[in-house]
Amino acid sequence: MNRTAWIRAGVVAALAWAAPALAQDENAGNPGEWLARYTSARTLGLGSAYVAIADDPLGVLWNPAGLSSMDQNELRFENATLFQQTSINAIGL
């Protein structure tokens, strides 16, 4: 094979190898972004659809106006153990 055939074959191989990279999602977000999404078990249980009923101490993160509907003072501690010795702690007052 002559030189141009090798160059063409190399270009085709490089494009074929790079094609799977185009399949990645461009809106993946920032590294560790999922850490900011967790605030309470109730929030996760509702699939993060928590804005309308944010009436507990941790509601200040979702809908601060919901704090006005609290009947009494509350104190809340949360701890979630995730994976590889990672945990998330939250305090709401």
PDB file of N, CA and C in Angstrom:
ATOM      1  N   MET A   1       0.843  -1.184   0.000  1.00  0.00           N
ATOM      2  CA  MET A   1       0.000   0.000   0.000  1.00  0.00           C
ATOM      3  C   MET A   1       0.883   1.242   0.000  1.00  0.00           C
ATOM      4  N   ASN A   2       0.418   2.239  -0.690  1.00  0.00           N
ATOM      5  CA  ASN A   2       1.199   3.469  -0.716  1.00  0.00           C
ATOM      6  C   ASN A   2       0.887   4.336   0.504  1.00  0.00           C
ATOM      7  N   ARG A   3       1.555   5.439   0.578  1.00  0.00           N
ATOM      8  CA  ARG A   3       1.472   6.288   1.766  1.00  0.00           C
ATOM      9  C   ARG A   3       0.076   6.887   1.962  1.00  0.00           C
ATOM     10  N   THR A   4      -0.582   7.337   0.912  1.00  0.00           N
ATOM     11  CA  THR A   4      -1.912   7.940   1.053  1.00  0.00           C
ATOM     12  C   THR A   4      -2.938   6.919   1.527  1.00  0.00           C
ATOM     13  N   ALA A   5      -2.780   5.683   1.130  1.00  0.00           N
ATOM     14  CA  ALA A   5      -3.705   4.648   1.591  1.00  0.00           C
ATOM     15  C   ALA A   5      -3.550   4.430   3.092  1.00  0.00           C
ATOM     16  N   TRP A   6      -2.330   4.458   3.599  1.00  0.00           N
ATOM     17  CA  TRP A   6      -2.101   4.321   5.031  1.00  0.00           C
ATOM     18  C   TRP A   6      -2.674   5.510   5.804  1.00  0.00           C
ATOM     19  N   ILE A   7      -2.530   6.688   5.235  1.00  0.00           N
ATOM     20  CA  ILE A   7      -3.077   7.878   5.900  1.00  0.00           C
ATOM     21  C   ILE A   7      -4.595   7.803   5.943  1.00  0.00           C
ATOM     22  N   ARG A   8      -5.209   7.420   4.835  1.00  0.00           N
ATOM     23  CA  ARG A   8      -6.668   7.274   4.801  1.00  0.00           C
ATOM     24  C   ARG A   8      -7.140   6.223   5.799  1.00  0.00           C
ATOM     25  N   ALA A   9      -6.441   5.109   5.842  1.00  0.00           N
ATOM     26  CA  ALA A   9      -6.813   4.050   6.783  1.00  0.00           C
ATOM     27  C   ALA A   9      -6.674   4.540   8.228  1.00  0.00           C
ATOM     28  N   GLY A  10      -5.647   5.326   8.501  1.00  0.00           N
ATOM     29  CA  GLY A  10      -5.459   5.874   9.842  1.00  0.00           C
ATOM     30  C   GLY A  10      -6.553   6.860  10.221  1.00  0.00           C
ATOM     31  N   VAL A  11      -6.966   7.703   9.263  1.00  0.00           N
ATOM     32  CA  VAL A  11      -8.035   8.662   9.526  1.00  0.00           C
ATOM     33  C   VAL A  11      -9.350   7.934   9.771  1.00  0.00           C
ATOM     34  N   VAL A  12      -9.658   6.930   8.962  1.00  0.00           N
ATOM     35  CA  VAL A  12     -10.889   6.155   9.141  1.00  0.00           C
ATOM     36  C   VAL A  12     -10.875   5.444  10.496  1.00  0.00           C
ATOM     37  N   ALA A  13      -9.744   4.876  10.862  1.00  0.00           N
ATOM     38  CA  ALA A  13      -9.644   4.190  12.153  1.00  0.00           C
ATOM     39  C   ALA A  13      -9.816   5.172  13.315  1.00  0.00           C
ATOM     40  N   ALA A  14      -9.225   6.361  13.199  1.00  0.00           N
ATOM     41  CA  ALA A  14      -9.357   7.362  14.260  1.00  0.00           C
ATOM     42  C   ALA A  14     -10.799   7.830  14.395  1.00  0.00           C
ATOM     43  N   LEU A  15     -11.495   8.032  13.285  1.00  0.00           N
ATOM     44  CA  LEU A  15     -12.891   8.450  13.340  1.00  0.00           C
ATOM     45  C   LEU A  15     -13.783   7.348  13.897  1.00  0.00           C
ATOM     46  N   ALA A  16     -13.503   6.110  13.524  1.00  0.00           N
ATOM     47  CA  ALA A  16     -14.293   4.990  14.040  1.00  0.00           C
ATOM     48  C   ALA A  16     -14.066   4.816  15.543  1.00  0.00           C
ATOM     49  N   TRP A  17     -12.870   5.072  16.001  1.00  0.00           N
ATOM     50  CA  TRP A  17     -12.555   4.941  17.414  1.00  0.00           C
ATOM     51  C   TRP A  17     -13.176   6.076  18.221  1.00  0.00           C
ATOM     52  N   ALA A  18     -13.266   7.278  17.639  1.00  0.00           N
ATOM     53  CA  ALA A  18     -13.802   8.439  18.348  1.00  0.00           C
ATOM     54  C   ALA A  18     -15.324   8.490  18.320  1.00  0.00           C
ATOM     55  N   ALA A  19     -15.974   7.725  17.472  1.00  0.00           N
ATOM     56  CA  ALA A  19     -17.435   7.772  17.355  1.00  0.00           C
ATOM     57  C   ALA A  19     -18.150   7.451  18.664  1.00  0.00           C
ATOM     58  N   PRO A  20     -17.718   6.473  19.462  1.00  0.00           N
ATOM     59  CA  PRO A  20     -18.421   6.224  20.728  1.00  0.00           C
ATOM     60  C   PRO A  20     -18.364   7.408  21.696  1.00  0.00           C
ATOM     61  N   ALA A  21     -17.384   8.266  21.576  1.00  0.00           N
ATOM     62  CA  ALA A  21     -17.301   9.427  22.457  1.00  0.00           C
ATOM     63  C   ALA A  21     -18.437  10.404  22.195  1.00  0.00           C
ATOM     64  N   LEU A  22     -18.980  10.416  21.008  1.00  0.00           N
ATOM     65  CA  LEU A  22     -20.091  11.300  20.687  1.00  0.00           C
ATOM     66  C   LEU A  22     -21.385  10.844  21.349  1.00  0.00           C
ATOM     67  N   ALA A  23     -21.435   9.619  21.814  1.00  0.00           N
ATOM     68  CA  ALA A  23     -22.646   9.087  22.427  1.00  0.00           C
ATOM     69  C   ALA A  23     -22.821   9.546  23.870  1.00  0.00           C
ATOM     70  N   GLN A  24     -21.857  10.246  24.426  1.00  0.00           N
ATOM     71  CA  GLN A  24     -21.947  10.690  25.811  1.00  0.00           C
ATOM     72  C   GLN A  24     -22.924  11.842  25.946  1.00  0.00           C
ATOM     73  N   ASP A  25     -23.569  11.935  27.084  1.00  0.00           N
ATOM     74  CA  ASP A  25     -24.507  13.010  27.367  1.00  0.00           C
ATOM     75  C   ASP A  25     -23.736  14.290  27.656  1.00  0.00           C
ATOM     76  N   GLU A  26     -24.096  15.361  26.984  1.00  0.00           N
ATOM     77  CA  GLU A  26     -23.397  16.623  27.182  1.00  0.00           C
ATOM     78  C   GLU A  26     -23.844  17.334  28.450  1.00  0.00           C
ATOM     79  N   ASN A  27     -24.972  16.957  29.014  1.00  0.00           N
ATOM     80  CA  ASN A  27     -25.512  17.617  30.193  1.00  0.00           C
ATOM     81  C   ASN A  27     -25.317  16.770  31.445  1.00  0.00           C
ATOM     82  N   ALA A  28     -24.138  16.237  31.614  1.00  0.00           N
ATOM     83  CA  ALA A  28     -23.876  15.359  32.748  1.00  0.00           C
ATOM     84  C   ALA A  28     -23.761  16.122  34.062  1.00  0.00           C
ATOM     85  N   GLY A  29     -23.498  17.401  34.010  1.00  0.00           N
ATOM     86  CA  GLY A  29     -23.382  18.188  35.231  1.00  0.00           C
ATOM     87  C   GLY A  29     -21.965  18.205  35.755  1.00  0.00           C
ATOM     88  N   ASN A  30     -21.834  18.607  36.977  1.00  0.00           N
ATOM     89  CA  ASN A  30     -20.532  18.720  37.616  1.00  0.00           C
ATOM     90  C   ASN A  30     -20.225  17.470  38.425  1.00  0.00           C
ATOM     91  N   PRO A  31     -18.940  17.174  38.629  1.00  0.00           N
ATOM     92  CA  PRO A  31     -18.594  16.028  39.457  1.00  0.00           C
ATOM     93  C   PRO A  31     -19.124  16.203  40.878  1.00  0.00           C
ATOM     94  N   GLY A  32     -19.733  15.179  41.408  1.00  0.00           N
ATOM     95  CA  GLY A  32     -20.262  15.228  42.764  1.00  0.00           C
ATOM     96  C   GLY A  32     -21.537  16.032  42.916  1.00  0.00           C
ATOM     97  N   GLU A  33     -22.180  16.352  41.828  1.00  0.00           N
ATOM     98  CA  GLU A  33     -23.407  17.148  41.898  1.00  0.00           C
ATOM     99  C   GLU A  33     -24.508  16.432  42.680  1.00  0.00           C
ATOM    100  N   TRP A  34     -24.520  15.110  42.655  1.00  0.00           N
ATOM    101  CA  TRP A  34     -25.550  14.350  43.359  1.00  0.00           C
ATOM    102  C   TRP A  34     -25.435  14.532  44.865  1.00  0.00           C
ATOM    103  N   LEU A  35     -24.263  14.953  45.356  1.00  0.00           N
ATOM    104  CA  LEU A  35     -24.128  15.174  46.793  1.00  0.00           C
ATOM    105  C   LEU A  35     -24.999  16.329  47.271  1.00  0.00           C
ATOM    106  N   ALA A  36     -25.208  17.324  46.420  1.00  0.00           N
ATOM    107  CA  ALA A  36     -26.013  18.482  46.803  1.00  0.00           C
ATOM    108  C   ALA A  36     -27.507  18.184  46.728  1.00  0.00           C
ATOM    109  N   ARG A  37     -27.892  17.127  46.081  1.00  0.00           N
ATOM    110  CA  ARG A  37     -29.313  16.818  45.918  1.00  0.00           C
ATOM    111  C   ARG A  37     -29.920  16.156  47.142  1.00  0.00           C
ATOM    112  N   TYR A  38     -29.122  15.514  47.946  1.00  0.00           N
ATOM    113  CA  TYR A  38     -29.660  14.815  49.112  1.00  0.00           C
ATOM    114  C   TYR A  38     -29.806  15.786  50.264  1.00  0.00           C
ATOM    115  N   THR A  39     -30.986  15.876  50.836  1.00  0.00           N
ATOM    116  CA  THR A  39     -31.158  16.631  52.075  1.00  0.00           C
ATOM    117  C   THR A  39     -31.905  15.824  53.115  1.00  0.00           C
ATOM    118  N   SER A  40     -32.832  14.985  52.709  1.00  0.00           N
ATOM    119  CA  SER A  40     -33.551  14.175  53.691  1.00  0.00           C
ATOM    120  C   SER A  40     -34.121  12.936  53.017  1.00  0.00           C
ATOM    121  N   ALA A  41     -34.469  11.975  53.847  1.00  0.00           N
ATOM    122  CA  ALA A  41     -35.078  10.755  53.322  1.00  0.00           C
ATOM    123  C   ALA A  41     -36.445  11.054  52.719  1.00  0.00           C
ATOM    124  N   ARG A  42     -37.141  12.005  53.305  1.00  0.00           N
ATOM    125  CA  ARG A  42     -38.460  12.374  52.780  1.00  0.00           C
ATOM    126  C   ARG A  42     -38.335  12.956  51.371  1.00  0.00           C
ATOM    127  N   THR A  43     -37.323  13.777  51.162  1.00  0.00           N
ATOM    128  CA  THR A  43     -37.095  14.362  49.842  1.00  0.00           C
ATOM    129  C   THR A  43     -36.802  13.285  48.814  1.00  0.00           C
ATOM    130  N   LEU A  44     -35.945  12.344  49.165  1.00  0.00           N
ATOM    131  CA  LEU A  44     -35.629  11.265  48.232  1.00  0.00           C
ATOM    132  C   LEU A  44     -36.837  10.380  47.979  1.00  0.00           C
ATOM    133  N   GLY A  45     -37.632  10.148  48.999  1.00  0.00           N
ATOM    134  CA  GLY A  45     -38.821   9.318  48.842  1.00  0.00           C
ATOM    135  C   GLY A  45     -39.843   9.926  47.904  1.00  0.00           C
ATOM    136  N   LEU A  46     -39.855  11.234  47.821  1.00  0.00           N
ATOM    137  CA  LEU A  46     -40.775  11.919  46.914  1.00  0.00           C
ATOM    138  C   LEU A  46     -40.140  12.175  45.554  1.00  0.00           C
ATOM    139  N   GLY A  47     -38.974  11.625  45.325  1.00  0.00           N
ATOM    140  CA  GLY A  47     -38.316  11.809  44.036  1.00  0.00           C
ATOM    141  C   GLY A  47     -37.883  13.241  43.810  1.00  0.00           C
ATOM    142  N   SER A  48     -37.489  13.930  44.858  1.00  0.00           N
ATOM    143  CA  SER A  48     -37.078  15.336  44.832  1.00  0.00           C
ATOM    144  C   SER A  48     -38.196  16.279  44.421  1.00  0.00           C
ATOM    145  N   ALA A  49     -39.438  15.821  44.432  1.00  0.00           N
ATOM    146  CA  ALA A  49     -40.593  16.685  44.154  1.00  0.00           C
ATOM    147  C   ALA A  49     -41.104  17.193  45.490  1.00  0.00           C
ATOM    148  N   TYR A  50     -40.369  18.076  46.088  1.00  0.00           N
ATOM    149  CA  TYR A  50     -40.573  18.417  47.485  1.00  0.00           C
ATOM    150  C   TYR A  50     -40.957  19.872  47.695  1.00  0.00           C
ATOM    151  N   VAL A  51     -40.990  20.661  46.648  1.00  0.00           N
ATOM    152  CA  VAL A  51     -41.195  22.102  46.790  1.00  0.00           C
ATOM    153  C   VAL A  51     -42.552  22.427  47.402  1.00  0.00           C
ATOM    154  N   ALA A  52     -43.591  21.728  47.017  1.00  0.00           N
ATOM    155  CA  ALA A  52     -44.943  22.071  47.461  1.00  0.00           C
ATOM    156  C   ALA A  52     -45.198  21.746  48.926  1.00  0.00           C
ATOM    157  N   ILE A  53     -44.462  20.804  49.510  1.00  0.00           N
ATOM    158  CA  ILE A  53     -44.734  20.413  50.897  1.00  0.00           C
ATOM    159  C   ILE A  53     -43.518  20.602  51.795  1.00  0.00           C
ATOM    160  N   ALA A  54     -42.698  21.568  51.494  1.00  0.00           N
ATOM    161  CA  ALA A  54     -41.488  21.795  52.286  1.00  0.00           C
ATOM    162  C   ALA A  54     -41.859  22.470  53.597  1.00  0.00           C
ATOM    163  N   ASP A  55     -42.375  21.685  54.541  1.00  0.00           N
ATOM    164  CA  ASP A  55     -42.840  22.237  55.813  1.00  0.00           C
ATOM    165  C   ASP A  55     -42.097  21.644  57.006  1.00  0.00           C
ATOM    166  N   ASP A  56     -40.832  21.346  56.821  1.00  0.00           N
ATOM    167  CA  ASP A  56     -40.014  20.855  57.914  1.00  0.00           C
ATOM    168  C   ASP A  56     -38.717  21.670  57.945  1.00  0.00           C
ATOM    169  N   PRO A  57     -37.861  21.467  58.929  1.00  0.00           N
ATOM    170  CA  PRO A  57     -36.667  22.305  59.045  1.00  0.00           C
ATOM    171  C   PRO A  57     -35.751  22.279  57.820  1.00  0.00           C
ATOM    172  N   LEU A  58     -35.694  21.177  57.120  1.00  0.00           N
ATOM    173  CA  LEU A  58     -34.845  21.121  55.934  1.00  0.00           C
ATOM    174  C   LEU A  58     -35.528  21.711  54.708  1.00  0.00           C
ATOM    175  N   GLY A  59     -36.749  22.170  54.864  1.00  0.00           N
ATOM    176  CA  GLY A  59     -37.467  22.792  53.761  1.00  0.00           C
ATOM    177  C   GLY A  59     -36.870  24.108  53.319  1.00  0.00           C
ATOM    178  N   VAL A  60     -36.026  24.703  54.136  1.00  0.00           N
ATOM    179  CA  VAL A  60     -35.407  25.972  53.762  1.00  0.00           C
ATOM    180  C   VAL A  60     -34.566  25.819  52.498  1.00  0.00           C
ATOM    181  N   LEU A  61     -34.120  24.624  52.211  1.00  0.00           N
ATOM    182  CA  LEU A  61     -33.351  24.396  50.991  1.00  0.00           C
ATOM    183  C   LEU A  61     -34.232  24.317  49.758  1.00  0.00           C
ATOM    184  N   TRP A  62     -35.494  23.958  49.931  1.00  0.00           N
ATOM    185  CA  TRP A  62     -36.374  23.743  48.786  1.00  0.00           C
ATOM    186  C   TRP A  62     -37.377  24.870  48.600  1.00  0.00           C
ATOM    187  N   ASN A  63     -38.045  25.274  49.668  1.00  0.00           N
ATOM    188  CA  ASN A  63     -39.063  26.312  49.586  1.00  0.00           C
ATOM    189  C   ASN A  63     -39.131  27.020  50.936  1.00  0.00           C
ATOM    190  N   PRO A  64     -38.387  28.105  51.096  1.00  0.00           N
ATOM    191  CA  PRO A  64     -38.368  28.782  52.395  1.00  0.00           C
ATOM    192  C   PRO A  64     -39.740  29.268  52.849  1.00  0.00           C
ATOM    193  N   ALA A  65     -40.653  29.528  51.930  1.00  0.00           N
ATOM    194  CA  ALA A  65     -41.992  29.973  52.316  1.00  0.00           C
ATOM    195  C   ALA A  65     -42.744  28.882  53.063  1.00  0.00           C
ATOM    196  N   GLY A  66     -42.388  27.628  52.851  1.00  0.00           N
ATOM    197  CA  GLY A  66     -43.032  26.527  53.553  1.00  0.00           C
ATOM    198  C   GLY A  66     -42.749  26.531  55.040  1.00  0.00           C
ATOM    199  N   LEU A  67     -41.700  27.218  55.467  1.00  0.00           N
ATOM    200  CA  LEU A  67     -41.379  27.275  56.891  1.00  0.00           C
ATOM    201  C   LEU A  67     -42.440  28.027  57.679  1.00  0.00           C
ATOM    202  N   SER A  68     -43.178  28.913  57.017  1.00  0.00           N
ATOM    203  CA  SER A  68     -44.227  29.656  57.723  1.00  0.00           C
ATOM    204  C   SER A  68     -45.398  28.760  58.108  1.00  0.00           C
ATOM    205  N   SER A  69     -45.532  27.609  57.488  1.00  0.00           N
ATOM    206  CA  SER A  69     -46.639  26.706  57.814  1.00  0.00           C
ATOM    207  C   SER A  69     -46.278  25.689  58.895  1.00  0.00           C
ATOM    208  N   MET A  70     -45.083  25.803  59.469  1.00  0.00           N
ATOM    209  CA  MET A  70     -44.702  24.903  60.558  1.00  0.00           C
ATOM    210  C   MET A  70     -45.474  25.272  61.815  1.00  0.00           C
ATOM    211  N   ASP A  71     -46.035  24.285  62.483  1.00  0.00           N
ATOM    212  CA  ASP A  71     -46.843  24.517  63.680  1.00  0.00           C
ATOM    213  C   ASP A  71     -46.007  24.726  64.936  1.00  0.00           C
ATOM    214  N   GLN A  72     -44.836  24.107  64.989  1.00  0.00           N
ATOM    215  CA  GLN A  72     -44.012  24.185  66.185  1.00  0.00           C
ATOM    216  C   GLN A  72     -42.545  24.183  65.781  1.00  0.00           C
ATOM    217  N   ASN A  73     -41.688  24.492  66.737  1.00  0.00           N
ATOM    218  CA  ASN A  73     -40.255  24.464  66.470  1.00  0.00           C
ATOM    219  C   ASN A  73     -39.797  23.023  66.317  1.00  0.00           C
ATOM    220  N   GLU A  74     -38.876  22.803  65.404  1.00  0.00           N
ATOM    221  CA  GLU A  74     -38.360  21.459  65.170  1.00  0.00           C
ATOM    222  C   GLU A  74     -36.848  21.508  65.029  1.00  0.00           C
ATOM    223  N   LEU A  75     -36.225  20.434  65.432  1.00  0.00           N
ATOM    224  CA  LEU A  75     -34.797  20.242  65.257  1.00  0.00           C
ATOM    225  C   LEU A  75     -34.616  18.896  64.575  1.00  0.00           C
ATOM    226  N   ARG A  76     -33.802  18.873  63.538  1.00  0.00           N
ATOM    227  CA  ARG A  76     -33.690  17.642  62.765  1.00  0.00           C
ATOM    228  C   ARG A  76     -32.235  17.370  62.405  1.00  0.00           C
ATOM    229  N   PHE A  77     -31.814  16.141  62.652  1.00  0.00           N
ATOM    230  CA  PHE A  77     -30.489  15.674  62.269  1.00  0.00           C
ATOM    231  C   PHE A  77     -30.661  14.525  61.287  1.00  0.00           C
ATOM    232  N   GLU A  78     -29.892  14.527  60.234  1.00  0.00           N
ATOM    233  CA  GLU A  78     -29.951  13.440  59.250  1.00  0.00           C
ATOM    234  C   GLU A  78     -28.538  12.957  58.966  1.00  0.00           C
ATOM    235  N   ASN A  79     -28.400  11.667  58.790  1.00  0.00           N
ATOM    236  CA  ASN A  79     -27.132  11.070  58.407  1.00  0.00           C
ATOM    237  C   ASN A  79     -27.429   9.977  57.403  1.00  0.00           C
ATOM    238  N   ALA A  80     -26.798  10.046  56.254  1.00  0.00           N
ATOM    239  CA  ALA A  80     -26.964   9.020  55.225  1.00  0.00           C
ATOM    240  C   ALA A  80     -25.599   8.452  54.882  1.00  0.00           C
ATOM    241  N   THR A  81     -25.432   7.158  55.069  1.00  0.00           N
ATOM    242  CA  THR A  81     -24.202   6.488  54.679  1.00  0.00           C
ATOM    243  C   THR A  81     -24.368   6.001  53.251  1.00  0.00           C
ATOM    244  N   LEU A  82     -23.468   6.410  52.395  1.00  0.00           N
ATOM    245  CA  LEU A  82     -23.595   6.086  50.978  1.00  0.00           C
ATOM    246  C   LEU A  82     -22.687   4.922  50.623  1.00  0.00           C
ATOM    247  N   PHE A  83     -21.643   5.139  49.906  1.00  0.00           N
ATOM    248  CA  PHE A  83     -20.767   4.065  49.466  1.00  0.00           C
ATOM    249  C   PHE A  83     -19.324   4.467  49.712  1.00  0.00           C
ATOM    250  N   GLN A  84     -18.462   3.508  49.825  1.00  0.00           N
ATOM    251  CA  GLN A  84     -17.033   3.703  50.036  1.00  0.00           C
ATOM    252  C   GLN A  84     -16.749   4.696  51.163  1.00  0.00           C
ATOM    253  N   GLN A  85     -17.357   4.474  52.291  1.00  0.00           N
ATOM    254  CA  GLN A  85     -17.162   5.276  53.498  1.00  0.00           C
ATOM    255  C   GLN A  85     -17.498   6.753  53.281  1.00  0.00           C
ATOM    256  N   THR A  86     -18.506   7.013  52.466  1.00  0.00           N
ATOM    257  CA  THR A  86     -18.985   8.368  52.216  1.00  0.00           C
ATOM    258  C   THR A  86     -20.302   8.547  52.942  1.00  0.00           C
ATOM    259  N   SER A  87     -20.459   9.663  53.614  1.00  0.00           N
ATOM    260  CA  SER A  87     -21.725   9.932  54.289  1.00  0.00           C
ATOM    261  C   SER A  87     -22.086  11.401  54.124  1.00  0.00           C
ATOM    262  N   ILE A  88     -23.373  11.680  54.272  1.00  0.00           N
ATOM    263  CA  ILE A  88     -23.885  13.041  54.189  1.00  0.00           C
ATOM    264  C   ILE A  88     -24.599  13.335  55.494  1.00  0.00           C
ATOM    265  N   ASN A  89     -24.299  14.471  56.087  1.00  0.00           N
ATOM    266  CA  ASN A  89     -24.930  14.888  57.329  1.00  0.00           C
ATOM    267  C   ASN A  89     -25.680  16.185  57.088  1.00  0.00           C
ATOM    268  N   ALA A  90     -26.861  16.318  57.676  1.00  0.00           N
ATOM    269  CA  ALA A  90     -27.653  17.540  57.537  1.00  0.00           C
ATOM    270  C   ALA A  90     -28.266  17.888  58.882  1.00  0.00           C
ATOM    271  N   ILE A  91     -28.325  19.168  59.163  1.00  0.00           N
ATOM    272  CA  ILE A  91     -28.944  19.670  60.385  1.00  0.00           C
ATOM    273  C   ILE A  91     -29.946  20.739  59.988  1.00  0.00           C
ATOM    274  N   GLY A  92     -31.159  20.627  60.510  1.00  0.00           N
ATOM    275  CA  GLY A  92     -32.179  21.639  60.264  1.00  0.00           C
ATOM    276  C   GLY A  92     -32.733  22.131  61.578  1.00  0.00           C
ATOM    277  N   LEU A  93     -32.925  23.428  61.702  1.00  0.00           N
ATOM    278  CA  LEU A  93     -33.423  24.008  62.945  1.00  0.00           C
ATOM    279  C   LEU A  93     -34.608  24.896  62.645  1.00  0.00           C
TER     280      LEU A  93
END
